[in-house]
């Protein structure tokens, strides 16, 4: 009987990075992937669609978790009461959702007996720290994998080409290369022309 593969639980959004992560984790790390999609009030055309994309990309399973009520009552209400702003001017958006998503990632890892938890954060921003510190606090024995920090894909066009070569369906195009994270509280956009802080965000970014 073949050795059973180790499992990795992946924080999955259905975007370019995490779509590539499923296939990369399978090929590079030799693990089975369980995707976890958190509904924190982001704009979407149905999370069932995202679940099907995860399964089509090779995930062993995909859990869709409705976190909206907990997020609103235990996170957003408290942030609002505290007037929580980064450097007193920037409303916390992604930062507020990460500890809650991490809790469900750890719960899924326990449920499936996963050795690893993976995320799609780059090595550039604070998001990696938010996920990893929350996960480590909840279960320090779980190992964390960060594919985007390891793989050789340096640009989003390279990622798109890699995705196409591996049969991964991605929503991002070379014309619209933005990475968007939104929830009940707000919307954060990066990549593309926004990499230059002197560039005014073009109209096609807004919704």
Protein backbone atom coordinates (compact mmCIF):
# COMPACT_ATOMS: atom_id res chain seq x y z
CA UNK A 1 0.00 0.00 0.00
CA UNK A 2 1.38 3.41 -0.96
CA UNK A 3 2.31 5.80 1.81
CA UNK A 4 -0.48 8.22 2.59
CA UNK A 5 0.42 11.78 1.68
CA UNK A 6 0.66 14.51 4.30
CA UNK A 7 -2.09 17.12 4.11
CA UNK A 8 -1.93 20.91 3.89
CA UNK A 9 -4.85 23.22 4.61
CA UNK A 10 -4.74 26.26 2.30
CA UNK A 11 -6.38 29.65 2.86
CA UNK A 12 -8.07 29.88 -0.55
CA UNK A 13 -9.62 32.91 -2.24
CA UNK A 14 -9.90 31.66 -5.81
CA UNK A 15 -7.52 34.37 -7.03
CA UNK A 16 -4.30 33.94 -8.97
CA UNK A 17 -1.90 33.28 -6.10
CA UNK A 18 -3.96 30.73 -4.19
CA UNK A 19 -5.09 28.99 -7.39
CA UNK A 20 -1.44 28.44 -8.28
CA UNK A 21 -0.71 27.41 -4.68
CA UNK A 22 -2.87 24.27 -4.89
CA UNK A 23 -0.98 22.83 -7.85
CA UNK A 24 2.43 24.01 -6.56
CA UNK A 25 1.89 22.41 -3.14
CA UNK A 26 0.97 19.14 -4.81
CA UNK A 27 3.93 19.17 -7.19
CA UNK A 28 6.66 20.73 -5.07
CA UNK A 29 5.74 19.51 -1.58
CA UNK A 30 3.95 16.29 -2.52
CA UNK A 31 0.98 17.00 -0.24
CA UNK A 32 -2.78 16.70 -0.57
CA UNK A 33 -4.49 20.10 -0.31
CA UNK A 34 -7.68 20.99 1.55
CA UNK A 35 -8.85 24.49 0.61
CA UNK A 36 -10.72 26.71 3.07
CA UNK A 37 -12.78 29.60 1.69
CA UNK A 38 -13.93 32.13 4.27
CA UNK A 39 -16.99 34.27 3.62
CA UNK A 40 -16.20 37.56 5.37
CA UNK A 41 -18.58 39.59 3.20
CA UNK A 42 -16.35 39.94 0.16
CA UNK A 43 -17.82 40.59 -3.28
CA UNK A 44 -18.30 37.31 -5.15
CA UNK A 45 -20.51 35.56 -7.68
CA UNK A 46 -21.17 32.63 -5.35
CA UNK A 47 -18.66 30.84 -3.19
CA UNK A 48 -19.80 27.49 -4.60
CA UNK A 49 -18.12 28.60 -7.84
CA UNK A 50 -14.87 29.20 -5.94
CA UNK A 51 -15.21 25.79 -4.27
CA UNK A 52 -15.59 24.12 -7.68
CA UNK A 53 -12.52 25.99 -8.93
CA UNK A 54 -10.49 24.68 -5.96
CA UNK A 55 -11.62 21.10 -6.63
CA UNK A 56 -10.95 21.51 -10.38
CA UNK A 57 -7.45 22.79 -9.55
CA UNK A 58 -6.80 19.57 -7.65
CA UNK A 59 -7.83 20.20 -4.04
CA UNK A 60 -8.82 17.07 -2.13
CA UNK A 61 -11.67 18.97 -0.50
CA UNK A 62 -12.85 22.55 -0.08
CA UNK A 63 -14.65 23.94 2.95
CA UNK A 64 -16.75 27.09 2.53
CA UNK A 65 -17.22 28.74 5.91
CA UNK A 66 -19.66 31.61 6.57
CA UNK A 67 -17.77 33.84 9.03
CA UNK A 68 -19.83 37.02 8.52
CA UNK A 69 -21.82 37.11 11.75
CA UNK A 70 -18.80 36.41 13.96
CA UNK A 71 -16.73 38.87 11.94
CA UNK A 72 -19.33 41.64 12.34
CA UNK A 73 -20.05 41.07 16.04
CA UNK A 74 -16.67 40.13 17.45
CA UNK A 75 -14.27 41.99 15.16
CA UNK A 76 -15.86 44.89 13.27
CA UNK A 77 -18.06 46.13 16.12
CA UNK A 78 -15.00 46.23 18.38
CA UNK A 79 -12.85 47.93 15.73
CA UNK A 80 -15.58 50.53 15.25
CA UNK A 81 -15.90 51.14 19.00
CA UNK A 82 -12.11 51.51 19.28
CA UNK A 83 -11.89 53.72 16.14
CA UNK A 84 -9.17 51.29 15.01
CA UNK A 85 -7.05 52.99 12.37
CA UNK A 86 -3.52 52.18 11.23
CA UNK A 87 -1.35 55.23 11.97
CA UNK A 88 -4.60 57.04 12.87
CA UNK A 89 -5.69 57.35 9.24
CA UNK A 90 -5.92 54.00 7.42
CA UNK A 91 -8.96 51.82 8.20
CA UNK A 92 -7.95 48.22 8.95
CA UNK A 93 -9.48 45.94 6.31
CA UNK A 94 -7.56 42.71 5.66
CA UNK A 95 -5.88 42.84 9.07
CA UNK A 96 -9.21 42.42 10.89
CA UNK A 97 -10.22 39.25 9.06
CA UNK A 98 -6.93 37.32 9.33
CA UNK A 99 -7.16 36.09 12.95
CA UNK A 100 -10.71 34.80 12.32
CA UNK A 101 -9.73 33.04 9.07
CA UNK A 102 -6.68 31.58 10.85
CA UNK A 103 -8.92 30.09 13.55
CA UNK A 104 -10.91 28.23 10.89
CA UNK A 105 -7.70 27.10 9.14
CA UNK A 106 -6.46 25.58 12.40
CA UNK A 107 -9.88 23.97 13.01
CA UNK A 108 -9.72 22.43 9.50
CA UNK A 109 -6.15 21.20 10.09
CA UNK A 110 -7.31 19.42 13.25
CA UNK A 111 -10.35 17.98 11.47
CA UNK A 112 -8.32 16.56 8.55
CA UNK A 113 -5.18 15.71 10.52
CA UNK A 114 -3.13 18.11 8.41
CA UNK A 115 0.53 18.67 9.22
CA UNK A 116 0.68 22.00 7.35
CA UNK A 117 -1.25 25.21 6.86
CA UNK A 118 -0.47 27.24 3.74
CA UNK A 119 -1.29 30.78 2.67
CA UNK A 120 -0.83 32.83 -0.50
CA UNK A 121 0.90 35.85 1.03
CA UNK A 122 4.05 37.30 -0.47
CA UNK A 123 7.16 38.04 1.54
CA UNK A 124 6.62 41.79 1.17
CA UNK A 125 3.68 42.77 3.36
CA UNK A 126 2.15 42.37 6.80
CA UNK A 127 -0.38 39.72 5.77
CA UNK A 128 2.11 36.87 6.18
CA UNK A 129 2.73 37.99 9.78
CA UNK A 130 -1.00 38.25 10.55
CA UNK A 131 -1.67 34.70 9.37
CA UNK A 132 1.46 33.10 10.78
CA UNK A 133 1.35 34.69 14.22
CA UNK A 134 -2.35 33.78 14.61
CA UNK A 135 -1.82 30.18 13.44
CA UNK A 136 1.25 29.69 15.64
CA UNK A 137 -0.58 31.09 18.67
CA UNK A 138 -3.49 28.68 18.15
CA UNK A 139 -1.34 25.60 17.42
CA UNK A 140 2.47 25.95 17.47
CA UNK A 141 2.91 22.36 16.21
CA UNK A 142 1.42 23.11 12.79
CA UNK A 143 4.04 23.88 10.14
CA UNK A 144 3.38 26.85 7.88
CA UNK A 145 4.02 26.81 4.12
CA UNK A 146 4.23 30.00 2.08
CA UNK A 147 4.50 29.00 -1.61
CA UNK A 148 4.70 32.57 -2.94
CA UNK A 149 7.84 33.15 -0.85
CA UNK A 150 9.44 30.01 -2.26
CA UNK A 151 8.49 29.62 -5.89
CA UNK A 152 10.45 31.00 -8.83
CA UNK A 153 7.51 32.99 -10.23
CA UNK A 154 8.64 36.58 -9.74
CA UNK A 155 5.91 38.55 -11.54
CA UNK A 156 2.16 38.23 -12.00
CA UNK A 157 2.49 37.73 -15.78
CA UNK A 158 4.85 34.79 -15.01
CA UNK A 159 2.26 33.40 -12.58
CA UNK A 160 -0.48 33.75 -15.21
CA UNK A 161 1.61 31.85 -17.75
CA UNK A 162 2.40 29.14 -15.18
CA UNK A 163 -1.30 28.85 -14.32
CA UNK A 164 -2.29 28.54 -17.98
CA UNK A 165 0.39 25.88 -18.56
CA UNK A 166 -1.00 23.88 -15.61
CA UNK A 167 -4.64 24.19 -16.70
CA UNK A 168 -5.59 26.54 -13.87
CA UNK A 169 -8.47 28.90 -14.55
CA UNK A 170 -7.69 32.38 -13.18
CA UNK A 171 -9.76 35.59 -13.17
CA UNK A 172 -6.77 37.88 -13.62
CA UNK A 173 -5.77 39.13 -17.06
CA UNK A 174 -2.67 40.96 -18.18
CA UNK A 175 -4.87 43.97 -18.86
CA UNK A 176 -6.28 43.92 -15.32
CA UNK A 177 -3.54 42.60 -13.05
CA UNK A 178 -4.88 43.81 -9.68
CA UNK A 179 -4.94 41.77 -6.52
CA UNK A 180 -8.05 42.67 -4.52
CA UNK A 181 -8.96 41.80 -0.95
CA UNK A 182 -12.33 42.90 0.35
CA UNK A 183 -14.71 42.12 3.19
CA UNK A 184 -17.71 43.61 5.01
CA UNK A 185 -15.53 46.50 6.15
CA UNK A 186 -13.71 47.63 3.01
CA UNK A 187 -11.63 46.88 -0.08
CA UNK A 188 -7.84 46.83 -0.52
CA UNK A 189 -6.26 46.74 -3.97
CA UNK A 190 -2.64 46.18 -4.99
CA UNK A 191 -0.38 45.15 -7.90
CA UNK A 192 -0.21 46.45 -11.45
CA UNK A 193 0.36 50.21 -11.76
CA UNK A 194 -0.26 50.56 -8.01
CA UNK A 195 3.23 49.21 -7.32
CA UNK A 196 4.33 52.82 -8.00
CA UNK A 197 3.06 54.94 -5.06
CA UNK A 198 3.12 58.07 -7.28
CA UNK A 199 0.53 56.59 -9.65
CA UNK A 200 -3.05 57.69 -9.13
CA UNK A 201 -5.36 54.65 -9.12
CA UNK A 202 -7.04 54.40 -12.56
CA UNK A 203 -10.83 54.32 -12.86
CA UNK A 204 -11.06 50.61 -13.69
CA UNK A 205 -9.94 49.75 -10.15
CA UNK A 206 -13.14 50.99 -8.55
CA UNK A 207 -16.37 49.06 -8.20
